[in-house]
N, C-alpha and C. Protein backbone atom coordinates (compact mmCIF):
# COMPACT_ATOMS: atom_id res chain seq x y z
N MET A 1 50.12 27.56 -18.20
CA MET A 1 50.18 26.68 -19.39
C MET A 1 50.73 25.33 -19.02
N ARG A 2 51.67 25.27 -18.04
CA ARG A 2 52.24 24.04 -17.67
C ARG A 2 51.22 23.13 -17.03
N HIS A 3 50.32 23.71 -16.22
CA HIS A 3 49.27 22.87 -15.57
C HIS A 3 48.31 22.33 -16.61
N ALA A 4 48.03 23.10 -17.62
CA ALA A 4 47.10 22.69 -18.65
C ALA A 4 47.69 21.54 -19.41
N SER A 5 48.99 21.59 -19.73
CA SER A 5 49.61 20.51 -20.50
C SER A 5 49.69 19.23 -19.63
N VAL A 6 49.95 19.33 -18.37
CA VAL A 6 49.95 18.12 -17.50
C VAL A 6 48.55 17.56 -17.45
N LEU A 7 47.52 18.40 -17.27
CA LEU A 7 46.18 17.96 -17.20
C LEU A 7 45.80 17.25 -18.54
N LEU A 8 46.19 17.80 -19.64
CA LEU A 8 45.87 17.20 -20.94
C LEU A 8 46.59 15.86 -21.10
N ILE A 9 47.78 15.70 -20.62
CA ILE A 9 48.47 14.38 -20.67
C ILE A 9 47.79 13.39 -19.80
N VAL A 10 47.34 13.80 -18.62
CA VAL A 10 46.66 12.88 -17.70
C VAL A 10 45.34 12.42 -18.33
N LEU A 11 44.61 13.37 -18.93
CA LEU A 11 43.29 13.03 -19.53
C LEU A 11 43.47 12.10 -20.74
N ILE A 12 44.53 12.35 -21.51
CA ILE A 12 44.79 11.44 -22.66
C ILE A 12 45.14 10.05 -22.17
N ALA A 13 45.95 9.96 -21.13
CA ALA A 13 46.34 8.66 -20.60
C ALA A 13 45.12 7.92 -20.00
N LEU A 14 44.26 8.59 -19.30
CA LEU A 14 43.03 8.00 -18.72
C LEU A 14 42.12 7.55 -19.83
N GLY A 15 41.98 8.39 -20.85
CA GLY A 15 41.12 8.02 -21.95
C GLY A 15 41.63 6.81 -22.71
N SER A 16 42.97 6.72 -22.86
CA SER A 16 43.58 5.55 -23.53
C SER A 16 43.39 4.28 -22.73
N LEU A 17 43.44 4.38 -21.43
CA LEU A 17 43.27 3.23 -20.58
C LEU A 17 41.83 2.75 -20.62
N GLY A 18 40.92 3.66 -20.68
CA GLY A 18 39.49 3.29 -20.66
C GLY A 18 39.16 2.61 -21.97
N CYS A 19 39.69 3.07 -23.08
CA CYS A 19 39.41 2.49 -24.40
C CYS A 19 40.03 1.10 -24.56
N SER A 20 41.25 0.95 -24.03
CA SER A 20 41.94 -0.32 -24.24
C SER A 20 41.40 -1.43 -23.32
N ALA A 21 40.64 -1.09 -22.34
CA ALA A 21 40.15 -2.11 -21.39
C ALA A 21 38.98 -2.88 -21.99
N ARG A 22 38.34 -2.37 -23.04
CA ARG A 22 37.20 -3.08 -23.65
C ARG A 22 37.65 -4.27 -24.44
N GLN A 23 36.82 -5.28 -24.43
CA GLN A 23 37.07 -6.47 -25.18
C GLN A 23 36.53 -6.23 -26.59
N VAL A 24 37.39 -6.42 -27.55
CA VAL A 24 36.99 -6.27 -28.93
C VAL A 24 36.47 -7.62 -29.44
N GLN A 25 35.23 -7.69 -29.88
CA GLN A 25 34.65 -8.93 -30.38
C GLN A 25 34.84 -9.02 -31.86
N ALA A 26 35.30 -10.14 -32.31
CA ALA A 26 35.44 -10.35 -33.75
C ALA A 26 34.07 -10.49 -34.36
N PRO A 27 33.90 -10.01 -35.56
CA PRO A 27 32.61 -10.17 -36.20
C PRO A 27 32.39 -11.64 -36.50
N PRO A 28 31.13 -12.07 -36.57
CA PRO A 28 30.83 -13.47 -36.80
C PRO A 28 31.32 -13.90 -38.21
N ALA A 29 31.72 -15.10 -38.27
CA ALA A 29 32.21 -15.66 -39.56
C ALA A 29 31.09 -15.72 -40.55
N PRO A 30 31.36 -15.40 -41.80
CA PRO A 30 30.28 -15.47 -42.82
C PRO A 30 29.84 -16.90 -43.09
N GLU A 31 28.59 -17.04 -43.37
CA GLU A 31 28.09 -18.34 -43.73
C GLU A 31 28.05 -18.50 -45.22
N PHE A 32 28.50 -19.65 -45.64
CA PHE A 32 28.51 -19.95 -47.09
C PHE A 32 27.45 -21.01 -47.37
N VAL A 33 26.61 -20.66 -48.30
CA VAL A 33 25.50 -21.55 -48.64
C VAL A 33 25.61 -21.93 -50.13
N ARG A 34 25.51 -23.20 -50.42
CA ARG A 34 25.58 -23.64 -51.84
C ARG A 34 24.18 -23.35 -52.44
N MET A 35 24.24 -22.60 -53.52
CA MET A 35 22.97 -22.20 -54.14
C MET A 35 22.85 -22.78 -55.52
N GLU A 36 21.60 -23.17 -55.86
CA GLU A 36 21.33 -23.56 -57.26
C GLU A 36 20.98 -22.24 -57.94
N GLU A 37 21.34 -22.18 -59.21
CA GLU A 37 21.05 -20.97 -59.98
C GLU A 37 19.56 -20.86 -60.27
N CYS A 38 18.97 -19.74 -60.01
CA CYS A 38 17.55 -19.51 -60.22
C CYS A 38 17.37 -18.84 -61.62
N PRO A 39 16.25 -19.17 -62.28
CA PRO A 39 15.97 -18.53 -63.54
C PRO A 39 15.75 -17.06 -63.41
N CYS A 40 16.33 -16.29 -64.29
CA CYS A 40 16.22 -14.83 -64.22
C CYS A 40 15.87 -14.35 -65.65
N PRO A 41 14.96 -13.38 -65.74
CA PRO A 41 14.55 -12.95 -67.05
C PRO A 41 15.65 -12.11 -67.72
N GLU A 42 15.71 -12.15 -69.00
CA GLU A 42 16.56 -11.23 -69.80
C GLU A 42 15.98 -9.83 -69.81
N ARG A 43 16.82 -8.83 -69.80
CA ARG A 43 16.37 -7.50 -69.91
C ARG A 43 15.59 -7.29 -71.19
N PRO A 44 14.37 -6.74 -71.13
CA PRO A 44 13.57 -6.65 -72.37
C PRO A 44 14.06 -5.52 -73.30
N GLU A 45 13.88 -5.77 -74.53
CA GLU A 45 14.12 -4.70 -75.54
C GLU A 45 12.85 -3.90 -75.65
N LEU A 46 12.95 -2.65 -75.36
CA LEU A 46 11.75 -1.78 -75.33
C LEU A 46 11.58 -1.05 -76.65
N PRO A 47 10.32 -1.03 -77.15
CA PRO A 47 10.09 -0.29 -78.37
C PRO A 47 10.23 1.22 -78.09
N ALA A 48 10.74 1.91 -79.09
CA ALA A 48 10.97 3.38 -78.97
C ALA A 48 9.68 4.17 -79.19
N VAL A 49 9.55 5.23 -78.42
CA VAL A 49 8.48 6.16 -78.61
C VAL A 49 8.81 7.04 -79.78
N ASN A 50 7.87 7.31 -80.65
CA ASN A 50 8.02 8.16 -81.83
C ASN A 50 8.14 9.64 -81.38
N GLY A 51 9.33 10.19 -81.46
CA GLY A 51 9.60 11.57 -81.01
C GLY A 51 8.97 12.62 -81.93
N SER A 52 8.60 12.24 -83.11
CA SER A 52 8.04 13.24 -84.03
C SER A 52 6.54 13.45 -83.81
N LEU A 53 5.96 12.51 -83.00
CA LEU A 53 4.52 12.63 -82.71
C LEU A 53 4.35 13.12 -81.28
N PRO A 54 3.18 13.72 -80.97
CA PRO A 54 2.92 14.11 -79.59
C PRO A 54 2.87 12.85 -78.70
N LEU A 55 3.18 13.07 -77.46
CA LEU A 55 3.27 11.92 -76.51
C LEU A 55 1.92 11.23 -76.37
N ASP A 56 0.83 12.02 -76.44
CA ASP A 56 -0.48 11.43 -76.23
C ASP A 56 -1.13 10.95 -77.57
N HIS A 57 -0.32 10.88 -78.61
CA HIS A 57 -0.81 10.28 -79.88
C HIS A 57 -1.03 8.79 -79.70
N GLN A 58 -2.01 8.25 -80.38
CA GLN A 58 -2.44 6.86 -80.19
C GLN A 58 -1.26 5.93 -80.39
N VAL A 59 -0.37 6.15 -81.34
CA VAL A 59 0.76 5.25 -81.56
C VAL A 59 1.70 5.30 -80.38
N ASN A 60 1.94 6.46 -79.81
CA ASN A 60 2.83 6.55 -78.62
C ASN A 60 2.20 5.99 -77.42
N VAL A 61 0.87 6.14 -77.28
CA VAL A 61 0.18 5.57 -76.09
C VAL A 61 0.28 4.07 -76.14
N GLU A 62 0.06 3.45 -77.33
CA GLU A 62 0.18 2.01 -77.46
C GLU A 62 1.60 1.53 -77.20
N THR A 63 2.61 2.34 -77.68
CA THR A 63 4.00 1.96 -77.39
C THR A 63 4.30 2.08 -75.88
N ILE A 64 3.81 3.06 -75.19
CA ILE A 64 4.05 3.23 -73.77
C ILE A 64 3.39 2.08 -73.02
N LEU A 65 2.19 1.68 -73.41
CA LEU A 65 1.52 0.55 -72.76
C LEU A 65 2.28 -0.76 -73.01
N GLU A 66 2.82 -0.89 -74.19
CA GLU A 66 3.66 -2.07 -74.50
C GLU A 66 4.94 -2.11 -73.63
N ARG A 67 5.54 -0.96 -73.48
CA ARG A 67 6.70 -0.86 -72.59
C ARG A 67 6.34 -1.17 -71.16
N ASP A 68 5.17 -0.68 -70.70
CA ASP A 68 4.70 -0.91 -69.33
C ASP A 68 4.52 -2.40 -69.12
N ASP A 69 3.91 -3.09 -70.09
CA ASP A 69 3.73 -4.51 -69.95
C ASP A 69 5.08 -5.26 -69.87
N ALA A 70 6.02 -4.85 -70.70
CA ALA A 70 7.34 -5.48 -70.70
C ALA A 70 8.07 -5.23 -69.33
N TYR A 71 7.97 -4.00 -68.82
CA TYR A 71 8.56 -3.69 -67.50
C TYR A 71 7.89 -4.54 -66.39
N ARG A 72 6.62 -4.68 -66.43
CA ARG A 72 5.89 -5.43 -65.44
C ARG A 72 6.29 -6.91 -65.43
N ALA A 73 6.37 -7.44 -66.65
CA ALA A 73 6.75 -8.88 -66.78
C ALA A 73 8.18 -9.04 -66.32
N TYR A 74 9.11 -8.12 -66.63
CA TYR A 74 10.44 -8.18 -66.20
C TYR A 74 10.55 -8.11 -64.68
N ALA A 75 9.82 -7.20 -64.10
CA ALA A 75 9.86 -7.05 -62.63
C ALA A 75 9.31 -8.30 -61.94
N GLN A 76 8.28 -8.89 -62.48
CA GLN A 76 7.74 -10.17 -61.91
C GLN A 76 8.77 -11.29 -62.01
N GLY A 77 9.50 -11.34 -63.12
CA GLY A 77 10.55 -12.33 -63.26
C GLY A 77 11.66 -12.11 -62.29
N LEU A 78 12.06 -10.88 -62.04
CA LEU A 78 13.10 -10.60 -61.08
C LEU A 78 12.67 -10.96 -59.65
N GLU A 79 11.37 -10.61 -59.36
CA GLU A 79 10.84 -10.96 -58.03
C GLU A 79 10.81 -12.44 -57.81
N ALA A 80 10.48 -13.22 -58.87
CA ALA A 80 10.49 -14.70 -58.77
C ALA A 80 11.91 -15.20 -58.52
N ALA A 81 12.91 -14.62 -59.15
CA ALA A 81 14.28 -15.04 -58.89
C ALA A 81 14.70 -14.74 -57.47
N VAL A 82 14.31 -13.59 -56.92
CA VAL A 82 14.62 -13.29 -55.52
C VAL A 82 13.95 -14.28 -54.61
N ARG A 83 12.65 -14.57 -54.90
CA ARG A 83 11.94 -15.58 -53.99
C ARG A 83 12.66 -16.92 -54.09
N CYS A 84 13.12 -17.28 -55.25
CA CYS A 84 13.86 -18.57 -55.42
C CYS A 84 15.07 -18.61 -54.52
N TYR A 85 15.91 -17.55 -54.61
CA TYR A 85 17.14 -17.46 -53.79
C TYR A 85 16.78 -17.43 -52.31
N ARG A 86 15.80 -16.67 -51.90
CA ARG A 86 15.37 -16.57 -50.48
C ARG A 86 14.96 -17.95 -50.01
N SER A 87 14.21 -18.67 -50.75
CA SER A 87 13.78 -20.00 -50.29
C SER A 87 14.93 -20.93 -50.09
N GLN A 88 15.96 -20.79 -50.94
CA GLN A 88 17.16 -21.62 -50.74
C GLN A 88 17.91 -21.23 -49.44
N VAL A 89 17.99 -19.99 -49.16
CA VAL A 89 18.65 -19.47 -47.93
C VAL A 89 17.87 -19.98 -46.75
N GLU A 90 16.58 -19.80 -46.75
CA GLU A 90 15.75 -20.26 -45.63
C GLU A 90 15.83 -21.75 -45.45
N ALA A 91 15.87 -22.53 -46.51
CA ALA A 91 16.03 -23.96 -46.43
C ALA A 91 17.33 -24.39 -45.84
N SER A 92 18.41 -23.59 -46.14
CA SER A 92 19.70 -23.94 -45.57
C SER A 92 19.79 -23.66 -44.09
N HIS A 93 18.97 -22.69 -43.59
CA HIS A 93 19.00 -22.43 -42.15
C HIS A 93 18.17 -23.43 -41.39
N ASP A 94 17.30 -24.19 -42.09
CA ASP A 94 16.48 -25.20 -41.41
C ASP A 94 17.29 -26.47 -41.14
N HIS A 95 18.39 -26.67 -41.86
CA HIS A 95 19.20 -27.87 -41.72
C HIS A 95 20.17 -27.75 -40.57
């Protein structure tokens, strides 16, 4: 048991020396970029599906298609905002 504890102490000491010899590199400093605010769409108000009718009823189908159009327009507006911010970041790296 005594030999095992001496061996354990030696291995811990060697392991500690090996880890402390490495150079720790600081992470790079963050870059701050002045951004202009990009237009962003408001979250759309979606029409409600009539729960008393079957889902495939013509009224509900029209409502679902209306909601789909609203979601697509909202997604396109969000993608435009992301492109706007990305172009500002890319322009700041060019300077």
